[in-house]
Amino acid sequence: MAAIYQKFTDQKKAGKKAFAVLIDPDKMSNAEIDPIIEQALAAGVDYFFVGGSLVVVNTVDQNIQRIKSLCDIPVVLFPGSPSQVSKYADALFYLSLISGRNPELLIGQHVISAPAVRSSGLEIMPTGYMVIDGGAPTSVSYIANTAPIPADKSDIALCTAMAGEMLGLKLIYMDAGSGAKNPIQENMIRRVSDNIAVPLIVGGGIKTPEKAAANCAAGADVIVVGNAIEKDISLLREISAAVHKG
């Protein structure tokens, strides 16, 4: 079993919660990344996720190389499409948008990108990606041309996650999207977590340490925060502390 996925599963088995900082190349230069890396090292951040729904500036390689030059925190690609690959990362979330009905993001783009992804040398982690309504239109919903799962439909989220796991996906990633007004409700997280065995990643709209802790208590194995830290870097240490107490 590959190294990064093994780390996800080992942490889950041990009941340890993990914290990932999301770096969006369109929003952050290398100069802006440096203080985040410094804070992440001090806070014991477990992972950097790098990517976004729409990569306009081609700085993914530069961003990852900068992170790798300053720390040994694992870097996982969180691509807007399966073709967004960087050989400098440690692993890739090979995202299948199982919450939507756009065949291109379920399997179509994967067919096209498969040779490049296979030859990249990256650790490939098949991931069921579920977009949850966060109360505001998000880039991922627009780009994916698909509706998110309604925030109050925990049964739909539950059945979607179960289906993804039974199809062989190794991770479930529930996301309210960058800039979400509302984070995913604890009830939905709990319903999903209680009924799947694979690690559960939760992100989008998490703006406080209290919310991060509540999501961990509900069953999230990995908490992802990006937008809130871009606005207030001091939250990084606070949220990391809250997650690691979970």
C-alpha atoms as a PDB file:
ATOM      1  CA  MET A   1       0.000   0.000   0.000  1.00  0.00           C
ATOM      2  CA  ALA A   2       1.320   3.421  -0.916  1.00  0.00           C
ATOM      3  CA  ALA A   3       2.729   5.823   1.654  1.00  0.00           C
ATOM      4  CA  ILE A   4       0.252   8.723   1.786  1.00  0.00           C
ATOM      5  CA  TYR A   5      -2.858   6.560   1.680  1.00  0.00           C
ATOM      6  CA  GLN A   6      -1.322   4.350   4.335  1.00  0.00           C
ATOM      7  CA  LYS A   7      -0.924   7.448   6.493  1.00  0.00           C
ATOM      8  CA  PHE A   8      -4.600   8.339   6.005  1.00  0.00           C
ATOM      9  CA  THR A   9      -5.734   4.844   6.982  1.00  0.00           C
ATOM     10  CA  ASP A  10      -3.302   4.518   9.903  1.00  0.00           C
ATOM     11  CA  GLN A  11      -4.513   7.803  11.367  1.00  0.00           C
ATOM     12  CA  LYS A  12      -8.127   6.722  10.986  1.00  0.00           C
ATOM     13  CA  LYS A  13      -7.493   3.350  12.667  1.00  0.00           C
ATOM     14  CA  ALA A  14      -5.742   5.100  15.541  1.00  0.00           C
ATOM     15  CA  GLY A  15      -8.621   7.559  15.932  1.00  0.00           C
ATOM     16  CA  LYS A  16      -6.321  10.477  15.169  1.00  0.00           C
ATOM     17  CA  LYS A  17      -7.716  13.462  13.295  1.00  0.00           C
ATOM     18  CA  ALA A  18      -5.660  15.208  10.609  1.00  0.00           C
ATOM     19  CA  PHE A  19      -5.541  18.792   9.369  1.00  0.00           C
ATOM     20  CA  ALA A  20      -4.835  19.827   5.783  1.00  0.00           C
ATOM     21  CA  VAL A  21      -4.239  23.340   4.479  1.00  0.00           C
ATOM     22  CA  LEU A  22      -5.549  23.940   0.961  1.00  0.00           C
ATOM     23  CA  ILE A  23      -3.378  26.086  -1.303  1.00  0.00           C
ATOM     24  CA  ASP A  24      -5.131  27.496  -4.379  1.00  0.00           C
ATOM     25  CA  PRO A  25      -2.482  28.484  -6.977  1.00  0.00           C
ATOM     26  CA  ASP A  26      -4.809  31.144  -8.400  1.00  0.00           C
ATOM     27  CA  LYS A  27      -5.003  32.922  -5.066  1.00  0.00           C
ATOM     28  CA  MET A  28      -1.519  32.595  -3.654  1.00  0.00           C
ATOM     29  CA  SER A  29       1.993  33.487  -4.807  1.00  0.00           C
ATOM     30  CA  ASN A  30       5.139  31.868  -3.458  1.00  0.00           C
ATOM     31  CA  ALA A  31       5.709  34.948  -1.285  1.00  0.00           C
ATOM     32  CA  GLU A  32       2.276  34.464   0.265  1.00  0.00           C
ATOM     33  CA  ILE A  33       2.876  30.745   0.744  1.00  0.00           C
ATOM     34  CA  ASP A  34       6.036  31.242   2.847  1.00  0.00           C
ATOM     35  CA  PRO A  35       4.332  32.501   6.034  1.00  0.00           C
ATOM     36  CA  ILE A  36       1.711  29.770   5.744  1.00  0.00           C
ATOM     37  CA  ILE A  37       4.445  27.135   5.626  1.00  0.00           C
ATOM     38  CA  GLU A  38       6.097  28.684   8.676  1.00  0.00           C
ATOM     39  CA  GLN A  39       2.807  28.623  10.601  1.00  0.00           C
ATOM     40  CA  ALA A  40       2.002  25.106   9.362  1.00  0.00           C
ATOM     41  CA  LEU A  41       5.286  23.735  10.671  1.00  0.00           C
ATOM     42  CA  ALA A  42       4.723  25.334  14.056  1.00  0.00           C
ATOM     43  CA  ALA A  43       1.131  24.067  14.188  1.00  0.00           C
ATOM     44  CA  GLY A  44       1.836  20.474  13.167  1.00  0.00           C
ATOM     45  CA  VAL A  45      -0.216  20.542   9.962  1.00  0.00           C
ATOM     46  CA  ASP A  46      -0.466  17.058   8.485  1.00  0.00           C
ATOM     47  CA  TYR A  47      -0.903  17.781   4.756  1.00  0.00           C
ATOM     48  CA  PHE A  48      -0.899  20.451   2.110  1.00  0.00           C
ATOM     49  CA  PHE A  49      -3.544  20.037  -0.591  1.00  0.00           C
ATOM     50  CA  VAL A  50      -2.733  22.033  -3.736  1.00  0.00           C
ATOM     51  CA  GLY A  51      -5.198  22.849  -6.503  1.00  0.00           C
ATOM     52  CA  GLY A  52      -8.469  24.511  -7.386  1.00  0.00           C
ATOM     53  CA  SER A  53     -11.524  24.274  -9.596  1.00  0.00           C
ATOM     54  CA  LEU A  54     -10.052  26.583 -12.215  1.00  0.00           C
ATOM     55  CA  VAL A  55      -6.295  26.997 -12.441  1.00  0.00           C
ATOM     56  CA  VAL A  56      -5.810  30.208 -14.419  1.00  0.00           C
ATOM     57  CA  VAL A  57      -2.154  30.813 -13.581  1.00  0.00           C
ATOM     58  CA  ASN A  58       0.193  27.921 -14.235  1.00  0.00           C
ATOM     59  CA  THR A  59       2.102  28.067 -10.953  1.00  0.00           C
ATOM     60  CA  VAL A  60       1.181  24.668  -9.510  1.00  0.00           C
ATOM     61  CA  ASP A  61       4.692  23.292 -10.051  1.00  0.00           C
ATOM     62  CA  GLN A  62       6.273  26.418  -8.556  1.00  0.00           C
ATOM     63  CA  ASN A  63       3.974  26.379  -5.539  1.00  0.00           C
ATOM     64  CA  ILE A  64       4.666  22.729  -4.806  1.00  0.00           C
ATOM     65  CA  GLN A  65       8.406  23.096  -5.283  1.00  0.00           C
ATOM     66  CA  ARG A  66       8.362  26.021  -2.853  1.00  0.00           C
ATOM     67  CA  ILE A  67       6.503  23.984  -0.241  1.00  0.00           C
ATOM     68  CA  LYS A  68       8.837  21.011  -0.679  1.00  0.00           C
ATOM     69  CA  SER A  69      11.916  23.226  -0.370  1.00  0.00           C
ATOM     70  CA  LEU A  70      10.799  24.587   2.998  1.00  0.00           C
ATOM     71  CA  CYS A  71       9.209  21.610   4.743  1.00  0.00           C
ATOM     72  CA  ASP A  72       8.559  17.877   4.609  1.00  0.00           C
ATOM     73  CA  ILE A  73       4.779  18.082   5.030  1.00  0.00           C
ATOM     74  CA  PRO A  74       3.241  15.782   2.372  1.00  0.00           C
ATOM     75  CA  VAL A  75       1.730  17.544  -0.664  1.00  0.00           C
ATOM     76  CA  VAL A  76      -1.366  16.071  -2.292  1.00  0.00           C
ATOM     77  CA  LEU A  77      -2.755  17.409  -5.575  1.00  0.00           C
ATOM     78  CA  PHE A  78      -6.406  18.434  -5.383  1.00  0.00           C
ATOM     79  CA  PRO A  79      -7.022  18.998  -9.108  1.00  0.00           C
ATOM     80  CA  GLY A  80      -9.864  20.796 -10.842  1.00  0.00           C
ATOM     81  CA  SER A  81      -9.555  18.149 -13.532  1.00  0.00           C
ATOM     82  CA  PRO A  82      -7.707  14.820 -13.667  1.00  0.00           C
ATOM     83  CA  SER A  83      -5.249  16.323 -16.162  1.00  0.00           C
ATOM     84  CA  GLN A  84      -3.881  18.851 -13.645  1.00  0.00           C
ATOM     85  CA  VAL A  85      -0.803  16.850 -12.704  1.00  0.00           C
ATOM     86  CA  SER A  86       2.486  17.901 -11.152  1.00  0.00           C
ATOM     87  CA  LYS A  87       5.359  15.475 -10.769  1.00  0.00           C
ATOM     88  CA  TYR A  88       6.595  17.426  -7.751  1.00  0.00           C
ATOM     89  CA  ALA A  89       3.711  16.400  -5.485  1.00  0.00           C
ATOM     90  CA  ASP A  90       3.643  13.268  -3.364  1.00  0.00           C
ATOM     91  CA  ALA A  91       0.183  12.042  -4.315  1.00  0.00           C
ATOM     92  CA  LEU A  92      -2.927  12.846  -6.339  1.00  0.00           C
ATOM     93  CA  PHE A  93      -6.591  12.739  -5.399  1.00  0.00           C
ATOM     94  CA  TYR A  94      -7.991  11.069  -8.527  1.00  0.00           C
ATOM     95  CA  LEU A  95     -11.377  12.681  -8.098  1.00  0.00           C
ATOM     96  CA  SER A  96     -14.591  11.167  -9.408  1.00  0.00           C
ATOM     97  CA  LEU A  97     -17.494  13.589  -8.882  1.00  0.00           C
ATOM     98  CA  ILE A  98     -19.954  11.047  -7.555  1.00  0.00           C
ATOM     99  CA  SER A  99     -22.423  13.645  -6.249  1.00  0.00           C
ATOM    100  CA  GLY A 100     -23.145  14.907  -9.775  1.00  0.00           C
ATOM    101  CA  ARG A 101     -24.379  13.453 -13.013  1.00  0.00           C
ATOM    102  CA  ASN A 102     -21.787  14.879 -15.375  1.00  0.00           C
ATOM    103  CA  PRO A 103     -20.189  11.822 -17.034  1.00  0.00           C
ATOM    104  CA  GLU A 104     -17.081  13.807 -17.941  1.00  0.00           C
ATOM    105  CA  LEU A 105     -16.205  14.229 -14.260  1.00  0.00           C
ATOM    106  CA  LEU A 106     -17.304  10.743 -13.296  1.00  0.00           C
ATOM    107  CA  ILE A 107     -15.097   8.959 -15.831  1.00  0.00           C
ATOM    108  CA  GLY A 108     -14.729  10.877 -19.112  1.00  0.00           C
ATOM    109  CA  GLN A 109     -11.764  13.085 -18.234  1.00  0.00           C
ATOM    110  CA  HIS A 110     -10.142  10.204 -16.400  1.00  0.00           C
ATOM    111  CA  VAL A 111     -10.046   8.131 -19.593  1.00  0.00           C
ATOM    112  CA  ILE A 112      -8.267  10.968 -21.399  1.00  0.00           C
ATOM    113  CA  SER A 113      -5.840  11.699 -18.579  1.00  0.00           C
ATOM    114  CA  ALA A 114      -5.071   8.089 -17.592  1.00  0.00           C
ATOM    115  CA  PRO A 115      -1.784   7.674 -19.526  1.00  0.00           C
ATOM    116  CA  ALA A 116      -0.357  10.943 -18.176  1.00  0.00           C
ATOM    117  CA  VAL A 117      -1.506  10.197 -14.638  1.00  0.00           C
ATOM    118  CA  ARG A 118      -0.093   6.657 -14.746  1.00  0.00           C
ATOM    119  CA  SER A 119       3.281   7.876 -16.026  1.00  0.00           C
ATOM    120  CA  SER A 120       3.495  10.759 -13.534  1.00  0.00           C
ATOM    121  CA  GLY A 121       4.989   8.577 -10.822  1.00  0.00           C
ATOM    122  CA  LEU A 122       2.548  10.038  -8.303  1.00  0.00           C
ATOM    123  CA  GLU A 123       0.741   7.965  -5.732  1.00  0.00           C
ATOM    124  CA  ILE A 124      -2.803   7.804  -7.129  1.00  0.00           C
ATOM    125  CA  MET A 125      -5.654   7.800  -4.613  1.00  0.00           C
ATOM    126  CA  PRO A 126      -9.122   7.079  -6.113  1.00  0.00           C
ATOM    127  CA  THR A 127     -11.428   9.537  -4.359  1.00  0.00           C
ATOM    128  CA  GLY A 128     -15.197   9.918  -4.344  1.00  0.00           C
ATOM    129  CA  TYR A 129     -15.769  13.671  -4.473  1.00  0.00           C
ATOM    130  CA  MET A 130     -19.090  14.935  -3.119  1.00  0.00           C
ATOM    131  CA  VAL A 131     -20.109  18.575  -3.452  1.00  0.00           C
ATOM    132  CA  ILE A 132     -22.550  19.697  -0.754  1.00  0.00           C
ATOM    133  CA  ASP A 133     -24.617  22.882  -0.995  1.00  0.00           C
ATOM    134  CA  GLY A 134     -22.863  25.524   1.092  1.00  0.00           C
ATOM    135  CA  GLY A 135     -25.427  28.259   0.608  1.00  0.00           C
ATOM    136  CA  ALA A 136     -23.659  30.059  -2.251  1.00  0.00           C
ATOM    137  CA  PRO A 137     -22.705  29.271  -5.843  1.00  0.00           C
ATOM    138  CA  THR A 138     -19.189  27.836  -6.008  1.00  0.00           C
ATOM    139  CA  SER A 139     -16.623  27.475  -8.765  1.00  0.00           C
ATOM    140  CA  VAL A 140     -16.758  23.703  -8.583  1.00  0.00           C
ATOM    141  CA  SER A 141     -20.524  23.588  -9.186  1.00  0.00           C
ATOM    142  CA  TYR A 142     -20.236  25.952 -12.128  1.00  0.00           C
ATOM    143  CA  ILE A 143     -17.261  24.216 -13.716  1.00  0.00           C
ATOM    144  CA  ALA A 144     -18.747  20.772 -13.078  1.00  0.00           C
ATOM    145  CA  ASN A 145     -22.108  21.827 -14.540  1.00  0.00           C
ATOM    146  CA  THR A 146     -23.878  19.852 -11.851  1.00  0.00           C
ATOM    147  CA  ALA A 147     -25.998  20.569  -8.783  1.00  0.00           C
ATOM    148  CA  PRO A 148     -24.616  19.961  -5.290  1.00  0.00           C
ATOM    149  CA  ILE A 149     -26.288  17.640  -2.805  1.00  0.00           C
ATOM    150  CA  PRO A 150     -28.800  19.707  -0.769  1.00  0.00           C
ATOM    151  CA  ALA A 151     -27.474  20.583   2.688  1.00  0.00           C
ATOM    152  CA  ASP A 152     -30.401  18.935   4.461  1.00  0.00           C
ATOM    153  CA  LYS A 153     -30.417  15.686   2.465  1.00  0.00           C
ATOM    154  CA  SER A 154     -28.204  13.510   4.632  1.00  0.00           C
ATOM    155  CA  ASP A 155     -29.715  10.328   3.224  1.00  0.00           C
ATOM    156  CA  ILE A 156     -28.612  11.261  -0.295  1.00  0.00           C
ATOM    157  CA  ALA A 157     -25.092  11.985   0.957  1.00  0.00           C
ATOM    158  CA  LEU A 158     -25.043   8.720   2.884  1.00  0.00           C
ATOM    159  CA  CYS A 159     -26.134   6.597  -0.063  1.00  0.00           C
ATOM    160  CA  THR A 160     -23.754   8.412  -2.421  1.00  0.00           C
ATOM    161  CA  ALA A 161     -20.784   7.781  -0.133  1.00  0.00           C
ATOM    162  CA  MET A 162     -21.748   4.137   0.359  1.00  0.00           C
ATOM    163  CA  ALA A 163     -22.003   3.658  -3.395  1.00  0.00           C
ATOM    164  CA  GLY A 164     -18.590   5.251  -3.911  1.00  0.00           C
ATOM    165  CA  GLU A 165     -17.013   2.966  -1.342  1.00  0.00           C
ATOM    166  CA  MET A 166     -18.642  -0.141  -2.821  1.00  0.00           C
ATOM    167  CA  LEU A 167     -17.385   0.885  -6.261  1.00  0.00           C
ATOM    168  CA  GLY A 168     -13.872   0.706  -4.846  1.00  0.00           C
ATOM    169  CA  LEU A 169     -13.043   4.352  -4.176  1.00  0.00           C
ATOM    170  CA  LYS A 170     -10.477   4.603  -1.379  1.00  0.00           C
ATOM    171  CA  LEU A 171     -11.439   7.993   0.070  1.00  0.00           C
ATOM    172  CA  ILE A 172     -14.601  10.074   0.365  1.00  0.00           C
ATOM    173  CA  TYR A 173     -14.172  13.854   0.162  1.00  0.00           C
ATOM    174  CA  MET A 174     -17.194  15.962   1.146  1.00  0.00           C
ATOM    175  CA  ASP A 175     -16.803  19.606   0.136  1.00  0.00           C
ATOM    176  CA  ALA A 176     -19.054  22.638   0.553  1.00  0.00           C
ATOM    177  CA  GLY A 177     -16.722  24.498  -1.801  1.00  0.00           C
ATOM    178  CA  SER A 178     -14.378  27.454  -1.527  1.00  0.00           C
ATOM    179  CA  GLY A 179     -16.151  30.499  -0.137  1.00  0.00           C
ATOM    180  CA  ALA A 180     -19.136  28.523   1.128  1.00  0.00           C
ATOM    181  CA  LYS A 181     -21.413  30.504   3.437  1.00  0.00           C
ATOM    182  CA  ASN A 182     -22.402  27.414   5.363  1.00  0.00           C
ATOM    183  CA  PRO A 183     -20.194  24.454   6.279  1.00  0.00           C
ATOM    184  CA  ILE A 184     -21.474  20.893   5.997  1.00  0.00           C
ATOM    185  CA  GLN A 185     -23.853  20.016   8.826  1.00  0.00           C
ATOM    186  CA  GLU A 186     -22.600  17.651  11.510  1.00  0.00           C
ATOM    187  CA  ASN A 187     -25.611  15.391  11.053  1.00  0.00           C
ATOM    188  CA  MET A 188     -24.656  14.730   7.435  1.00  0.00           C
ATOM    189  CA  ILE A 189     -21.021  14.098   8.343  1.00  0.00           C
ATOM    190  CA  ARG A 190     -22.072  11.682  11.069  1.00  0.00           C
ATOM    191  CA  ARG A 191     -24.459   9.751   8.831  1.00  0.00           C
ATOM    192  CA  VAL A 192     -21.757   9.302   6.213  1.00  0.00           C
ATOM    193  CA  SER A 193     -18.964   8.503   8.660  1.00  0.00           C
ATOM    194  CA  ASP A 194     -21.028   5.912  10.525  1.00  0.00           C
ATOM    195  CA  ASN A 195     -21.689   3.975   7.329  1.00  0.00           C
ATOM    196  CA  ILE A 196     -18.355   3.890   5.500  1.00  0.00           C
ATOM    197  CA  ALA A 197     -15.007   2.359   6.444  1.00  0.00           C
ATOM    198  CA  VAL A 198     -12.720   4.456   4.208  1.00  0.00           C
ATOM    199  CA  PRO A 199     -11.247   7.762   5.448  1.00  0.00           C
ATOM    200  CA  LEU A 200     -13.589  10.761   5.260  1.00  0.00           C
ATOM    201  CA  ILE A 201     -12.253  14.196   4.280  1.00  0.00           C
ATOM    202  CA  VAL A 202     -14.389  17.287   4.978  1.00  0.00           C
ATOM    203  CA  GLY A 203     -13.837  20.848   3.772  1.00  0.00           C
ATOM    204  CA  GLY A 204     -15.558  24.054   2.771  1.00  0.00           C
ATOM    205  CA  GLY A 205     -16.925  26.841   4.942  1.00  0.00           C
ATOM    206  CA  ILE A 206     -14.945  25.880   8.056  1.00  0.00           C
ATOM    207  CA  LYS A 207     -14.042  29.239   9.600  1.00  0.00           C
ATOM    208  CA  THR A 208     -13.587  28.580  13.312  1.00  0.00           C
ATOM    209  CA  PRO A 209     -11.746  26.117  15.557  1.00  0.00           C
ATOM    210  CA  GLU A 210     -15.085  25.226  17.125  1.00  0.00           C
ATOM    211  CA  LYS A 211     -16.538  24.152  13.786  1.00  0.00           C
ATOM    212  CA  ALA A 212     -13.446  22.116  12.970  1.00  0.00           C
ATOM    213  CA  ALA A 213     -13.701  20.342  16.331  1.00  0.00           C
ATOM    214  CA  ALA A 214     -17.422  19.688  15.805  1.00  0.00           C
ATOM    215  CA  ASN A 215     -16.747  18.144  12.390  1.00  0.00           C
ATOM    216  CA  CYS A 216     -14.106  15.879  13.923  1.00  0.00           C
ATOM    217  CA  ALA A 217     -16.527  14.822  16.639  1.00  0.00           C
ATOM    218  CA  ALA A 218     -19.102  14.039  13.933  1.00  0.00           C
ATOM    219  CA  GLY A 219     -16.682  11.649  12.234  1.00  0.00           C
ATOM    220  CA  ALA A 220     -14.490  13.584   9.809  1.00  0.00           C
ATOM    221  CA  ASP A 221     -11.008  12.074   9.637  1.00  0.00           C
ATOM    222  CA  VAL A 222      -9.352  14.967   7.817  1.00  0.00           C
ATOM    223  CA  ILE A 223     -10.365  18.634   8.065  1.00  0.00           C
ATOM    224  CA  VAL A 224      -9.476  20.901   5.136  1.00  0.00           C
ATOM    225  CA  VAL A 225      -9.309  24.693   5.396  1.00  0.00           C
ATOM    226  CA  GLY A 226      -8.160  27.127   2.727  1.00  0.00           C
ATOM    227  CA  ASN A 227     -10.210  30.275   2.255  1.00  0.00           C
ATOM    228  CA  ALA A 228     -10.447  31.139   5.950  1.00  0.00           C
ATOM    229  CA  ILE A 229      -6.665  30.912   6.380  1.00  0.00           C
ATOM    230  CA  GLU A 230      -6.087  33.059   3.301  1.00  0.00           C
ATOM    231  CA  LYS A 231      -8.113  35.768   5.064  1.00  0.00           C
ATOM    232  CA  ASP A 232      -6.701  35.270   8.569  1.00  0.00           C
ATOM    233  CA  ILE A 233      -3.506  33.269   8.919  1.00  0.00           C
ATOM    234  CA  SER A 234      -3.787  33.246  12.716  1.00  0.00           C
ATOM    235  CA  LEU A 235      -6.617  30.729  12.343  1.00  0.00           C
ATOM    236  CA  LEU A 236      -4.147  28.122  11.120  1.00  0.00           C
ATOM    237  CA  ARG A 237      -2.700  27.384  14.558  1.00  0.00           C
ATOM    238  CA  GLU A 238      -6.088  27.605  16.279  1.00  0.00           C
ATOM    239  CA  ILE A 239      -7.815  25.217  13.893  1.00  0.00           C
ATOM    240  CA  SER A 240      -4.873  22.815  13.894  1.00  0.00           C
ATOM    241  CA  ALA A 241      -4.957  22.671  17.692  1.00  0.00           C
ATOM    242  CA  ALA A 242      -8.713  22.054  17.679  1.00  0.00           C
ATOM    243  CA  VAL A 243      -8.415  19.240  15.119  1.00  0.00           C
ATOM    244  CA  HIS A 244      -5.569  17.473  16.875  1.00  0.00           C
ATOM    245  CA  LYS A 245      -7.458  17.470  20.163  1.00  0.00           C
ATOM    246  CA  GLY A 246     -10.259  15.534  18.421  1.00  0.00           C
END
